[in-house]
PDB file of N, CA and C in Angstrom:
ATOM      1  N   MET A   1      -2.781 -87.953  10.566  1.00  0.00           N
ATOM      2  CA  MET A   1      -2.886 -89.229  11.217  1.00  0.00           C
ATOM      3  C   MET A   1      -2.541 -90.331  10.221  1.00  0.00           C
ATOM      4  N   MET A   2      -1.845 -91.315  10.688  1.00  0.00           N
ATOM      5  CA  MET A   2      -1.441 -92.429   9.839  1.00  0.00           C
ATOM      6  C   MET A   2      -2.635 -93.347   9.601  1.00  0.00           C
ATOM      7  N   THR A   3      -2.757 -93.826   8.361  1.00  0.00           N
ATOM      8  CA  THR A   3      -3.813 -94.782   8.025  1.00  0.00           C
ATOM      9  C   THR A   3      -3.166 -96.110   7.676  1.00  0.00           C
ATOM     10  N   GLU A   4      -3.971 -97.166   7.626  1.00  0.00           N
ATOM     11  CA  GLU A   4      -3.458 -98.488   7.256  1.00  0.00           C
ATOM     12  C   GLU A   4      -2.840 -98.451   5.857  1.00  0.00           C
ATOM     13  N   GLU A   5      -3.493 -97.724   4.962  1.00  0.00           N
ATOM     14  CA  GLU A   5      -3.000 -97.631   3.583  1.00  0.00           C
ATOM     15  C   GLU A   5      -1.599 -97.018   3.551  1.00  0.00           C
ATOM     16  N   MET A   6      -1.381 -95.994   4.365  1.00  0.00           N
ATOM     17  CA  MET A   6      -0.066 -95.346   4.415  1.00  0.00           C
ATOM     18  C   MET A   6       0.979 -96.286   4.996  1.00  0.00           C
ATOM     19  N   LEU A   7       0.600 -97.032   6.040  1.00  0.00           N
ATOM     20  CA  LEU A   7       1.551 -97.948   6.669  1.00  0.00           C
ATOM     21  C   LEU A   7       1.964 -99.061   5.721  1.00  0.00           C
ATOM     22  N   ASP A   8       1.057 -99.446   4.839  1.00  0.00           N
ATOM     23  CA  ASP A   8       1.339-100.523   3.885  1.00  0.00           C
ATOM     24  C   ASP A   8       2.045-100.030   2.623  1.00  0.00           C
ATOM     25  N   ASN A   9       2.142 -98.724   2.448  1.00  0.00           N
ATOM     26  CA  ASN A   9       2.721 -98.161   1.233  1.00  0.00           C
ATOM     27  C   ASN A   9       3.797 -97.127   1.610  1.00  0.00           C
ATOM     28  N   PRO A  10       5.070 -97.563   1.666  1.00  0.00           N
ATOM     29  CA  PRO A  10       6.142 -96.645   2.080  1.00  0.00           C
ATOM     30  C   PRO A  10       6.265 -95.404   1.197  1.00  0.00           C
ATOM     31  N   THR A  11       6.007 -95.542  -0.100  1.00  0.00           N
ATOM     32  CA  THR A  11       6.103 -94.385  -0.996  1.00  0.00           C
ATOM     33  C   THR A  11       5.051 -93.348  -0.628  1.00  0.00           C
ATOM     34  N   MET A  12       3.850 -93.814  -0.354  1.00  0.00           N
ATOM     35  CA  MET A  12       2.778 -92.896   0.034  1.00  0.00           C
ATOM     36  C   MET A  12       3.123 -92.218   1.357  1.00  0.00           C
ATOM     37  N   MET A  13       3.705 -92.969   2.286  1.00  0.00           N
ATOM     38  CA  MET A  13       4.082 -92.408   3.581  1.00  0.00           C
ATOM     39  C   MET A  13       5.130 -91.311   3.402  1.00  0.00           C
ATOM     40  N   GLN A  14       6.091 -91.540   2.519  1.00  0.00           N
ATOM     41  CA  GLN A  14       7.126 -90.523   2.274  1.00  0.00           C
ATOM     42  C   GLN A  14       6.518 -89.271   1.661  1.00  0.00           C
ATOM     43  N   GLU A  15       5.581 -89.463   0.737  1.00  0.00           N
ATOM     44  CA  GLU A  15       4.925 -88.310   0.130  1.00  0.00           C
ATOM     45  C   GLU A  15       4.119 -87.531   1.168  1.00  0.00           C
ATOM     46  N   CYS A  16       3.445 -88.261   2.037  1.00  0.00           N
ATOM     47  CA  CYS A  16       2.624 -87.614   3.073  1.00  0.00           C
ATOM     48  C   CYS A  16       3.478 -86.848   4.077  1.00  0.00           C
ATOM     49  N   ILE A  17       4.616 -87.407   4.466  1.00  0.00           N
ATOM     50  CA  ILE A  17       5.455 -86.693   5.438  1.00  0.00           C
ATOM     51  C   ILE A  17       6.021 -85.418   4.818  1.00  0.00           C
ATOM     52  N   VAL A  18       6.300 -85.431   3.531  1.00  0.00           N
ATOM     53  CA  VAL A  18       6.780 -84.213   2.863  1.00  0.00           C
ATOM     54  C   VAL A  18       5.693 -83.142   2.904  1.00  0.00           C
ATOM     55  N   VAL A  19       4.458 -83.544   2.604  1.00  0.00           N
ATOM     56  CA  VAL A  19       3.342 -82.596   2.603  1.00  0.00           C
ATOM     57  C   VAL A  19       3.117 -82.048   4.013  1.00  0.00           C
ATOM     58  N   ASP A  20       3.072 -82.940   5.012  1.00  0.00           N
ATOM     59  CA  ASP A  20       2.832 -82.491   6.386  1.00  0.00           C
ATOM     60  C   ASP A  20       3.987 -81.646   6.921  1.00  0.00           C
ATOM     61  N   THR A  21       5.226 -82.029   6.611  1.00  0.00           N
ATOM     62  CA  THR A  21       6.383 -81.248   7.062  1.00  0.00           C
ATOM     63  C   THR A  21       6.358 -79.854   6.445  1.00  0.00           C
ATOM     64  N   THR A  22       6.058 -79.780   5.166  1.00  0.00           N
ATOM     65  CA  THR A  22       5.984 -78.482   4.486  1.00  0.00           C
ATOM     66  C   THR A  22       4.912 -77.605   5.115  1.00  0.00           C
ATOM     67  N   ARG A  23       3.756 -78.184   5.380  1.00  0.00           N
ATOM     68  CA  ARG A  23       2.656 -77.426   5.986  1.00  0.00           C
ATOM     69  C   ARG A  23       3.042 -76.926   7.372  1.00  0.00           C
ATOM     70  N   LEU A  24       3.614 -77.799   8.193  1.00  0.00           N
ATOM     71  CA  LEU A  24       3.997 -77.417   9.554  1.00  0.00           C
ATOM     72  C   LEU A  24       5.099 -76.354   9.562  1.00  0.00           C
ATOM     73  N   ILE A  25       6.049 -76.471   8.651  1.00  0.00           N
ATOM     74  CA  ILE A  25       7.127 -75.474   8.577  1.00  0.00           C
ATOM     75  C   ILE A  25       6.578 -74.123   8.132  1.00  0.00           C
ATOM     76  N   LYS A  26       5.652 -74.124   7.179  1.00  0.00           N
ATOM     77  CA  LYS A  26       5.050 -72.861   6.745  1.00  0.00           C
ATOM     78  C   LYS A  26       4.266 -72.210   7.882  1.00  0.00           C
ATOM     79  N   GLU A  27       3.552 -73.027   8.669  1.00  0.00           N
ATOM     80  CA  GLU A  27       2.815 -72.487   9.816  1.00  0.00           C
ATOM     81  C   GLU A  27       3.783 -71.891  10.845  1.00  0.00           C
ATOM     82  N   ALA A  28       4.854 -72.616  11.143  1.00  0.00           N
ATOM     83  CA  ALA A  28       5.846 -72.117  12.105  1.00  0.00           C
ATOM     84  C   ALA A  28       6.543 -70.869  11.570  1.00  0.00           C
ATOM     85  N   SER A  29       6.796 -70.846  10.288  1.00  0.00           N
ATOM     86  CA  SER A  29       7.439 -69.695   9.662  1.00  0.00           C
ATOM     87  C   SER A  29       6.592 -68.441   9.843  1.00  0.00           C
ATOM     88  N   ALA A  30       5.300 -68.578   9.631  1.00  0.00           N
ATOM     89  CA  ALA A  30       4.399 -67.438   9.800  1.00  0.00           C
ATOM     90  C   ALA A  30       4.301 -67.029  11.273  1.00  0.00           C
ATOM     91  N   GLU A  31       4.228 -68.021  12.156  1.00  0.00           N
ATOM     92  CA  GLU A  31       4.089 -67.732  13.585  1.00  0.00           C
ATOM     93  C   GLU A  31       5.316 -67.038  14.163  1.00  0.00           C
ATOM     94  N   PHE A  32       6.511 -67.515  13.790  1.00  0.00           N
ATOM     95  CA  PHE A  32       7.748 -66.971  14.342  1.00  0.00           C
ATOM     96  C   PHE A  32       8.359 -65.874  13.465  1.00  0.00           C
ATOM     97  N   ASN A  33       7.740 -65.625  12.319  1.00  0.00           N
ATOM     98  CA  ASN A  33       8.235 -64.628  11.366  1.00  0.00           C
ATOM     99  C   ASN A  33       9.687 -64.923  10.964  1.00  0.00           C
ATOM    100  N   LEU A  34       9.922 -66.182  10.612  1.00  0.00           N
ATOM    101  CA  LEU A  34      11.242 -66.651  10.183  1.00  0.00           C
ATOM    102  C   LEU A  34      11.117 -67.319   8.821  1.00  0.00           C
ATOM    103  N   PRO A  35      12.144 -67.214   7.982  1.00  0.00           N
ATOM    104  CA  PRO A  35      12.108 -67.919   6.707  1.00  0.00           C
ATOM    105  C   PRO A  35      12.064 -69.440   6.922  1.00  0.00           C
ATOM    106  N   PRO A  36      11.303 -70.159   6.110  1.00  0.00           N
ATOM    107  CA  PRO A  36      11.198 -71.618   6.264  1.00  0.00           C
ATOM    108  C   PRO A  36      12.552 -72.333   6.244  1.00  0.00           C
ATOM    109  N   GLN A  37      13.481 -71.850   5.432  1.00  0.00           N
ATOM    110  CA  GLN A  37      14.787 -72.522   5.356  1.00  0.00           C
ATOM    111  C   GLN A  37      15.561 -72.400   6.666  1.00  0.00           C
ATOM    112  N   TRP A  38      15.302 -71.360   7.449  1.00  0.00           N
ATOM    113  CA  TRP A  38      15.950 -71.242   8.758  1.00  0.00           C
ATOM    114  C   TRP A  38      15.404 -72.291   9.714  1.00  0.00           C
ATOM    115  N   ILE A  39      14.116 -72.574   9.615  1.00  0.00           N
ATOM    116  CA  ILE A  39      13.511 -73.585  10.480  1.00  0.00           C
ATOM    117  C   ILE A  39      13.993 -74.973  10.083  1.00  0.00           C
ATOM    118  N   MET A  40      14.156 -75.213   8.814  1.00  0.00           N
ATOM    119  CA  MET A  40      14.574 -76.527   8.336  1.00  0.00           C
ATOM    120  C   MET A  40      16.042 -76.808   8.622  1.00  0.00           C
ATOM    121  N   SER A  41      16.869 -75.775   8.735  1.00  0.00           N
ATOM    122  CA  SER A  41      18.302 -75.993   8.948  1.00  0.00           C
ATOM    123  C   SER A  41      18.615 -76.205  10.423  1.00  0.00           C
ATOM    124  N   ALA A  42      19.592 -77.035  10.670  1.00  0.00           N
ATOM    125  CA  ALA A  42      20.024 -77.291  12.046  1.00  0.00           C
ATOM    126  C   ALA A  42      20.742 -76.071  12.597  1.00  0.00           C
ATOM    127  N   MET A  43      20.789 -75.962  13.905  1.00  0.00           N
ATOM    128  CA  MET A  43      21.413 -74.804  14.550  1.00  0.00           C
ATOM    129  C   MET A  43      22.887 -74.683  14.173  1.00  0.00           C
ATOM    130  N   ALA A  44      23.584 -75.805  14.085  1.00  0.00           N
ATOM    131  CA  ALA A  44      25.024 -75.783  13.774  1.00  0.00           C
ATOM    132  C   ALA A  44      25.296 -75.382  12.330  1.00  0.00           C
ATOM    133  N   THR A  45      24.335 -75.623  11.441  1.00  0.00           N
ATOM    134  CA  THR A  45      24.540 -75.303  10.023  1.00  0.00           C
ATOM    135  C   THR A  45      23.669 -74.124   9.607  1.00  0.00           C
ATOM    136  N   ALA A  46      23.449 -73.224  10.530  1.00  0.00           N
ATOM    137  CA  ALA A  46      22.561 -72.095  10.286  1.00  0.00           C
ATOM    138  C   ALA A  46      23.096 -71.186   9.191  1.00  0.00           C
ATOM    139  N   PRO A  47      22.190 -70.687   8.327  1.00  0.00           N
ATOM    140  CA  PRO A  47      22.606 -69.733   7.305  1.00  0.00           C
ATOM    141  C   PRO A  47      23.110 -68.443   7.939  1.00  0.00           C
ATOM    142  N   LYS A  48      23.952 -67.748   7.217  1.00  0.00           N
ATOM    143  CA  LYS A  48      24.465 -66.466   7.715  1.00  0.00           C
ATOM    144  C   LYS A  48      23.332 -65.468   7.835  1.00  0.00           C
ATOM    145  N   GLY A  49      23.505 -64.531   8.740  1.00  0.00           N
ATOM    146  CA  GLY A  49      22.507 -63.499   8.934  1.00  0.00           C
ATOM    147  C   GLY A  49      21.567 -63.782  10.088  1.00  0.00           C
ATOM    148  N   ARG A  50      21.697 -64.946  10.690  1.00  0.00           N
ATOM    149  CA  ARG A  50      20.838 -65.276  11.829  1.00  0.00           C
ATOM    150  C   ARG A  50      21.516 -64.854  13.126  1.00  0.00           C
ATOM    151  N   THR A  51      20.731 -64.231  13.973  1.00  0.00           N
ATOM    152  CA  THR A  51      21.236 -63.873  15.297  1.00  0.00           C
ATOM    153  C   THR A  51      21.079 -65.076  16.222  1.00  0.00           C
ATOM    154  N   ILE A  52      21.648 -64.973  17.401  1.00  0.00           N
ATOM    155  CA  ILE A  52      21.488 -66.051  18.386  1.00  0.00           C
ATOM    156  C   ILE A  52      19.999 -66.252  18.681  1.00  0.00           C
ATOM    157  N   ARG A  53      19.284 -65.165  18.830  1.00  0.00           N
ATOM    158  CA  ARG A  53      17.843 -65.253  19.128  1.00  0.00           C
ATOM    159  C   ARG A  53      17.081 -65.966  18.009  1.00  0.00           C
ATOM    160  N   THR A  54      17.351 -65.621  16.765  1.00  0.00           N
ATOM    161  CA  THR A  54      16.628 -66.279  15.673  1.00  0.00           C
ATOM    162  C   THR A  54      17.059 -67.736  15.523  1.00  0.00           C
ATOM    163  N   ARG A  55      18.295 -68.044  15.888  1.00  0.00           N
ATOM    164  CA  ARG A  55      18.730 -69.450  15.880  1.00  0.00           C
ATOM    165  C   ARG A  55      17.959 -70.248  16.920  1.00  0.00           C
ATOM    166  N   ILE A  56      17.775 -69.673  18.092  1.00  0.00           N
ATOM    167  CA  ILE A  56      17.035 -70.352  19.157  1.00  0.00           C
ATOM    168  C   ILE A  56      15.571 -70.516  18.747  1.00  0.00           C
ATOM    169  N   GLU A  57      14.975 -69.452  18.207  1.00  0.00           N
ATOM    170  CA  GLU A  57      13.578 -69.527  17.782  1.00  0.00           C
ATOM    171  C   GLU A  57      13.381 -70.544  16.661  1.00  0.00           C
ATOM    172  N   SER A  58      14.292 -70.552  15.699  1.00  0.00           N
ATOM    173  CA  SER A  58      14.144 -71.506  14.592  1.00  0.00           C
ATOM    174  C   SER A  58      14.377 -72.936  15.059  1.00  0.00           C
ATOM    175  N   SER A  59      15.272 -73.108  16.018  1.00  0.00           N
ATOM    176  CA  SER A  59      15.508 -74.434  16.590  1.00  0.00           C
ATOM    177  C   SER A  59      14.267 -74.922  17.331  1.00  0.00           C
ATOM    178  N   HIS A  60      13.649 -74.037  18.092  1.00  0.00           N
ATOM    179  CA  HIS A  60      12.415 -74.386  18.805  1.00  0.00           C
ATOM    180  C   HIS A  60      11.319 -74.773  17.800  1.00  0.00           C
ATOM    181  N   ALA A  61      11.182 -73.988  16.744  1.00  0.00           N
ATOM    182  CA  ALA A  61      10.162 -74.280  15.726  1.00  0.00           C
ATOM    183  C   ALA A  61      10.434 -75.623  15.055  1.00  0.00           C
ATOM    184  N   ARG A  62      11.695 -75.889  14.752  1.00  0.00           N
ATOM    185  CA  ARG A  62      12.083 -77.161  14.131  1.00  0.00           C
ATOM    186  C   ARG A  62      11.748 -78.334  15.058  1.00  0.00           C
ATOM    187  N   HIS A  63      12.043 -78.192  16.337  1.00  0.00           N
ATOM    188  CA  HIS A  63      11.752 -79.249  17.302  1.00  0.00           C
ATOM    189  C   HIS A  63      10.249 -79.458  17.459  1.00  0.00           C
ATOM    190  N   ARG A  64       9.495 -78.377  17.376  1.00  0.00           N
ATOM    191  CA  ARG A  64       8.040 -78.500  17.447  1.00  0.00           C
ATOM    192  C   ARG A  64       7.496 -79.254  16.235  1.00  0.00           C
ATOM    193  N   VAL A  65       8.022 -78.952  15.056  1.00  0.00           N
ATOM    194  CA  VAL A  65       7.600 -79.663  13.844  1.00  0.00           C
ATOM    195  C   VAL A  65       7.909 -81.147  13.976  1.00  0.00           C
ATOM    196  N   ILE A  66       9.099 -81.478  14.448  1.00  0.00           N
ATOM    197  CA  ILE A  66       9.493 -82.877  14.640  1.00  0.00           C
ATOM    198  C   ILE A  66       8.546 -83.564  15.621  1.00  0.00           C
ATOM    199  N   SER A  67       8.238 -82.911  16.720  1.00  0.00           N
ATOM    200  CA  SER A  67       7.330 -83.490  17.722  1.00  0.00           C
ATOM    201  C   SER A  67       5.922 -83.669  17.172  1.00  0.00           C
ATOM    202  N   GLU A  68       5.455 -82.695  16.400  1.00  0.00           N
ATOM    203  CA  GLU A  68       4.116 -82.801  15.825  1.00  0.00           C
ATOM    204  C   GLU A  68       4.042 -83.942  14.817  1.00  0.00           C
ATOM    205  N   LEU A  69       5.096 -84.152  14.041  1.00  0.00           N
ATOM    206  CA  LEU A  69       5.111 -85.280  13.103  1.00  0.00           C
ATOM    207  C   LEU A  69       5.049 -86.607  13.854  1.00  0.00           C
ATOM    208  N   ALA A  70       5.765 -86.694  14.965  1.00  0.00           N
ATOM    209  CA  ALA A  70       5.718 -87.919  15.787  1.00  0.00           C
ATOM    210  C   ALA A  70       4.318 -88.104  16.360  1.00  0.00           C
ATOM    211  N   ASP A  71       3.696 -87.018  16.807  1.00  0.00           N
ATOM    212  CA  ASP A  71       2.337 -87.093  17.338  1.00  0.00           C
ATOM    213  C   ASP A  71       1.334 -87.521  16.267  1.00  0.00           C
ATOM    214  N   MET A  72       1.618 -87.213  15.011  1.00  0.00           N
ATOM    215  CA  MET A  72       0.741 -87.607  13.910  1.00  0.00           C
ATOM    216  C   MET A  72       0.882 -89.097  13.583  1.00  0.00           C
ATOM    217  N   GLY A  73       1.898 -89.733  14.156  1.00  0.00           N
ATOM    218  CA  GLY A  73       2.047 -91.166  13.966  1.00  0.00           C
ATOM    219  C   GLY A  73       3.111 -91.584  12.975  1.00  0.00           C
ATOM    220  N   TYR A  74       3.879 -90.635  12.468  1.00  0.00           N
ATOM    221  CA  TYR A  74       4.943 -91.000  11.529  1.00  0.00           C
ATOM    222  C   TYR A  74       6.032 -91.761  12.281  1.00  0.00           C
ATOM    223  N   PRO A  75       6.591 -92.794  11.653  1.00  0.00           N
ATOM    224  CA  PRO A  75       7.689 -93.528  12.287  1.00  0.00           C
ATOM    225  C   PRO A  75       8.886 -92.606  12.512  1.00  0.00           C
ATOM    226  N   ARG A  76       9.516 -92.753  13.644  1.00  0.00           N
ATOM    227  CA  ARG A  76      10.631 -91.864  13.996  1.00  0.00           C
ATOM    228  C   ARG A  76      11.812 -92.027  13.047  1.00  0.00           C
ATOM    229  N   ASP A  77      11.987 -93.217  12.497  1.00  0.00           N
ATOM    230  CA  ASP A  77      13.057 -93.408  11.505  1.00  0.00           C
ATOM    231  C   ASP A  77      12.824 -92.535  10.276  1.00  0.00           C
ATOM    232  N   LEU A  78      11.578 -92.461   9.841  1.00  0.00           N
ATOM    233  CA  LEU A  78      11.237 -91.648   8.680  1.00  0.00           C
ATOM    234  C   LEU A  78      11.420 -90.160   8.992  1.00  0.00           C
ATOM    235  N   ILE A  79      11.028 -89.750  10.180  1.00  0.00           N
ATOM    236  CA  ILE A  79      11.229 -88.354  10.590  1.00  0.00           C
ATOM    237  C   ILE A  79      12.718 -88.046  10.625  1.00  0.00           C
ATOM    238  N   ALA A  80      13.503 -88.959  11.173  1.00  0.00           N
ATOM    239  CA  ALA A  80      14.958 -88.762  11.255  1.00  0.00           C
ATOM    240  C   ALA A  80      15.561 -88.580   9.873  1.00  0.00           C
ATOM    241  N   ARG A  81      15.169 -89.416   8.937  1.00  0.00           N
ATOM    242  CA  ARG A  81      15.704 -89.287   7.570  1.00  0.00           C
ATOM    243  C   ARG A  81      15.277 -87.975   6.930  1.00  0.00           C
ATOM    244  N   SER A  82      14.061 -87.541   7.213  1.00  0.00           N
ATOM    245  CA  SER A  82      13.550 -86.291   6.631  1.00  0.00           C
ATOM    246  C   SER A  82      14.345 -85.078   7.103  1.00  0.00           C
ATOM    247  N   PHE A  83      14.873 -85.157   8.325  1.00  0.00           N
ATOM    248  CA  PHE A  83      15.622 -84.035   8.881  1.00  0.00           C
ATOM    249  C   PHE A  83      17.124 -84.307   8.917  1.00  0.00           C
ATOM    250  N   ASP A  84      17.536 -85.378   8.276  1.00  0.00           N
ATOM    251  CA  ASP A  84      18.950 -85.754   8.204  1.00  0.00           C
ATOM    252  C   ASP A  84      19.556 -85.900   9.602  1.00  0.00           C
ATOM    253  N   LEU A  85      18.814 -86.605  10.465  1.00  0.00           N
ATOM    254  CA  LEU A  85      19.246 -86.852  11.835  1.00  0.00           C
ATOM    255  C   LEU A  85      19.176 -88.349  12.121  1.00  0.00           C
ATOM    256  N   GLY A  86      19.794 -88.756  13.201  1.00  0.00           N
ATOM    257  CA  GLY A  86      19.697 -90.140  13.643  1.00  0.00           C
ATOM    258  C   GLY A  86      18.466 -90.347  14.510  1.00  0.00           C
ATOM    259  N   ARG A  87      18.060 -91.603  14.654  1.00  0.00           N
ATOM    260  CA  ARG A  87      16.872 -91.916  15.469  1.00  0.00           C
ATOM    261  C   ARG A  87      17.065 -91.476  16.920  1.00  0.00           C
ATOM    262  N   ASP A  88      18.267 -91.653  17.449  1.00  0.00           N
ATOM    263  CA  ASP A  88      18.520 -91.227  18.833  1.00  0.00           C
ATOM    264  C   ASP A  88      18.331 -89.721  18.984  1.00  0.00           C
ATOM    265  N   SER A  89      18.781 -88.965  17.995  1.00  0.00           N
ATOM    266  CA  SER A  89      18.609 -87.508  18.031  1.00  0.00           C
ATOM    267  C   SER A  89      17.132 -87.137  18.030  1.00  0.00           C
ATOM    268  N   ILE A  90      16.352 -87.818  17.195  1.00  0.00           N
ATOM    269  CA  ILE A  90      14.918 -87.544  17.116  1.00  0.00           C
ATOM    270  C   ILE A  90      14.251 -87.847  18.461  1.00  0.00           C
ATOM    271  N   ASN A  91      14.602 -88.987  19.045  1.00  0.00           N
ATOM    272  CA  ASN A  91      14.017 -89.355  20.342  1.00  0.00           C
ATOM    273  C   ASN A  91      14.358 -88.318  21.410  1.00  0.00           C
ATOM    274  N   THR A  92      15.595 -87.849  21.412  1.00  0.00           N
ATOM    275  CA  THR A  92      16.023 -86.836  22.380  1.00  0.00           C
ATOM    276  C   THR A  92      15.282 -85.523  22.154  1.00  0.00           C
ATOM    277  N   ILE A  93      15.176 -85.102  20.902  1.00  0.00           N
ATOM    278  CA  ILE A  93      14.474 -83.853  20.580  1.00  0.00           C
ATOM    279  C   ILE A  93      13.031 -83.918  21.052  1.00  0.00           C
ATOM    280  N   ILE A  94      12.353 -85.017  20.748  1.00  0.00           N
ATOM    281  CA  ILE A  94      10.942 -85.156  21.120  1.00  0.00           C
ATOM    282  C   ILE A  94      10.791 -85.171  22.641  1.00  0.00           C
ATOM    283  N   ARG A  95      11.616 -85.942  23.325  1.00  0.00           N
ATOM    284  CA  ARG A  95      11.531 -86.030  24.786  1.00  0.00           C
ATOM    285  C   ARG A  95      11.783 -84.661  25.435  1.00  0.00           C
ATOM    286  N   GLU A  96      12.838 -83.983  25.001  1.00  0.00           N
ATOM    287  CA  GLU A  96      13.173 -82.679  25.597  1.00  0.00           C
ATOM    288  C   GLU A  96      12.132 -81.619  25.256  1.00  0.00           C
ATOM    289  N   PHE A  97      11.620 -81.652  24.029  1.00  0.00           N
ATOM    290  CA  PHE A  97      10.593 -80.673  23.641  1.00  0.00           C
ATOM    291  C   PHE A  97       9.349 -80.856  24.498  1.00  0.00           C
ATOM    292  N   ARG A  98       8.937 -82.092  24.687  1.00  0.00           N
ATOM    293  CA  ARG A  98       7.749 -82.362  25.492  1.00  0.00           C
ATOM    294  C   ARG A  98       7.963 -81.983  26.958  1.00  0.00           C
ATOM    295  N   GLN A  99       9.154 -82.219  27.486  1.00  0.00           N
ATOM    296  CA  GLN A  99       9.441 -81.849  28.879  1.00  0.00           C
ATOM    297  C   GLN A  99       9.402 -80.334  29.048  1.00  0.00           C
ATOM    298  N   LYS A 100       9.985 -79.619  28.090  1.00  0.00           N
ATOM    299  CA  LYS A 100      10.005 -78.151  28.182  1.00  0.00           C
ATOM    300  C   LYS A 100       8.606 -77.567  28.065  1.00  0.00           C
ATOM    301  N   ASN A 101       7.756 -78.241  27.322  1.00  0.00           N
ATOM    302  CA  ASN A 101       6.410 -77.708  27.076  1.00  0.00           C
ATOM    303  C   ASN A 101       5.341 -78.433  27.887  1.00  0.00           C
ATOM    304  N   HIS A 102       5.764 -79.243  28.849  1.00  0.00           N
ATOM    305  CA  HIS A 102       4.864 -79.909  29.796  1.00  0.00           C
ATOM    306  C   HIS A 102       3.763 -80.702  29.119  1.00  0.00           C
ATOM    307  N   GLU A 103       4.127 -81.405  28.049  1.00  0.00           N
ATOM    308  CA  GLU A 103       3.117 -82.196  27.352  1.00  0.00           C
ATOM    309  C   GLU A 103       3.007 -83.571  27.945  1.00  0.00           C
TER     310      GLU A 103
END
């Protein structure tokens, strides 16, 4: 959850998003039995050795991490930069993930 101190200190916010992103990716990695780097990579730039199924699973895990970071209160611009995406992409990912999961 975002605190006033974090909102007033961009460096602290960046450090916190790295910690939370790492934690969420490790949790997803264990749950889906996928390497963390597969979850962090975009579907189009997937490492070799991934099947279509593992690409879909890692994409789902990545979208869940992005949605959870937004739910924690991180600014979407910061999330976008963390995943090397644009703000519009982040908004689309979050909206579609929530629709698919009936949140």
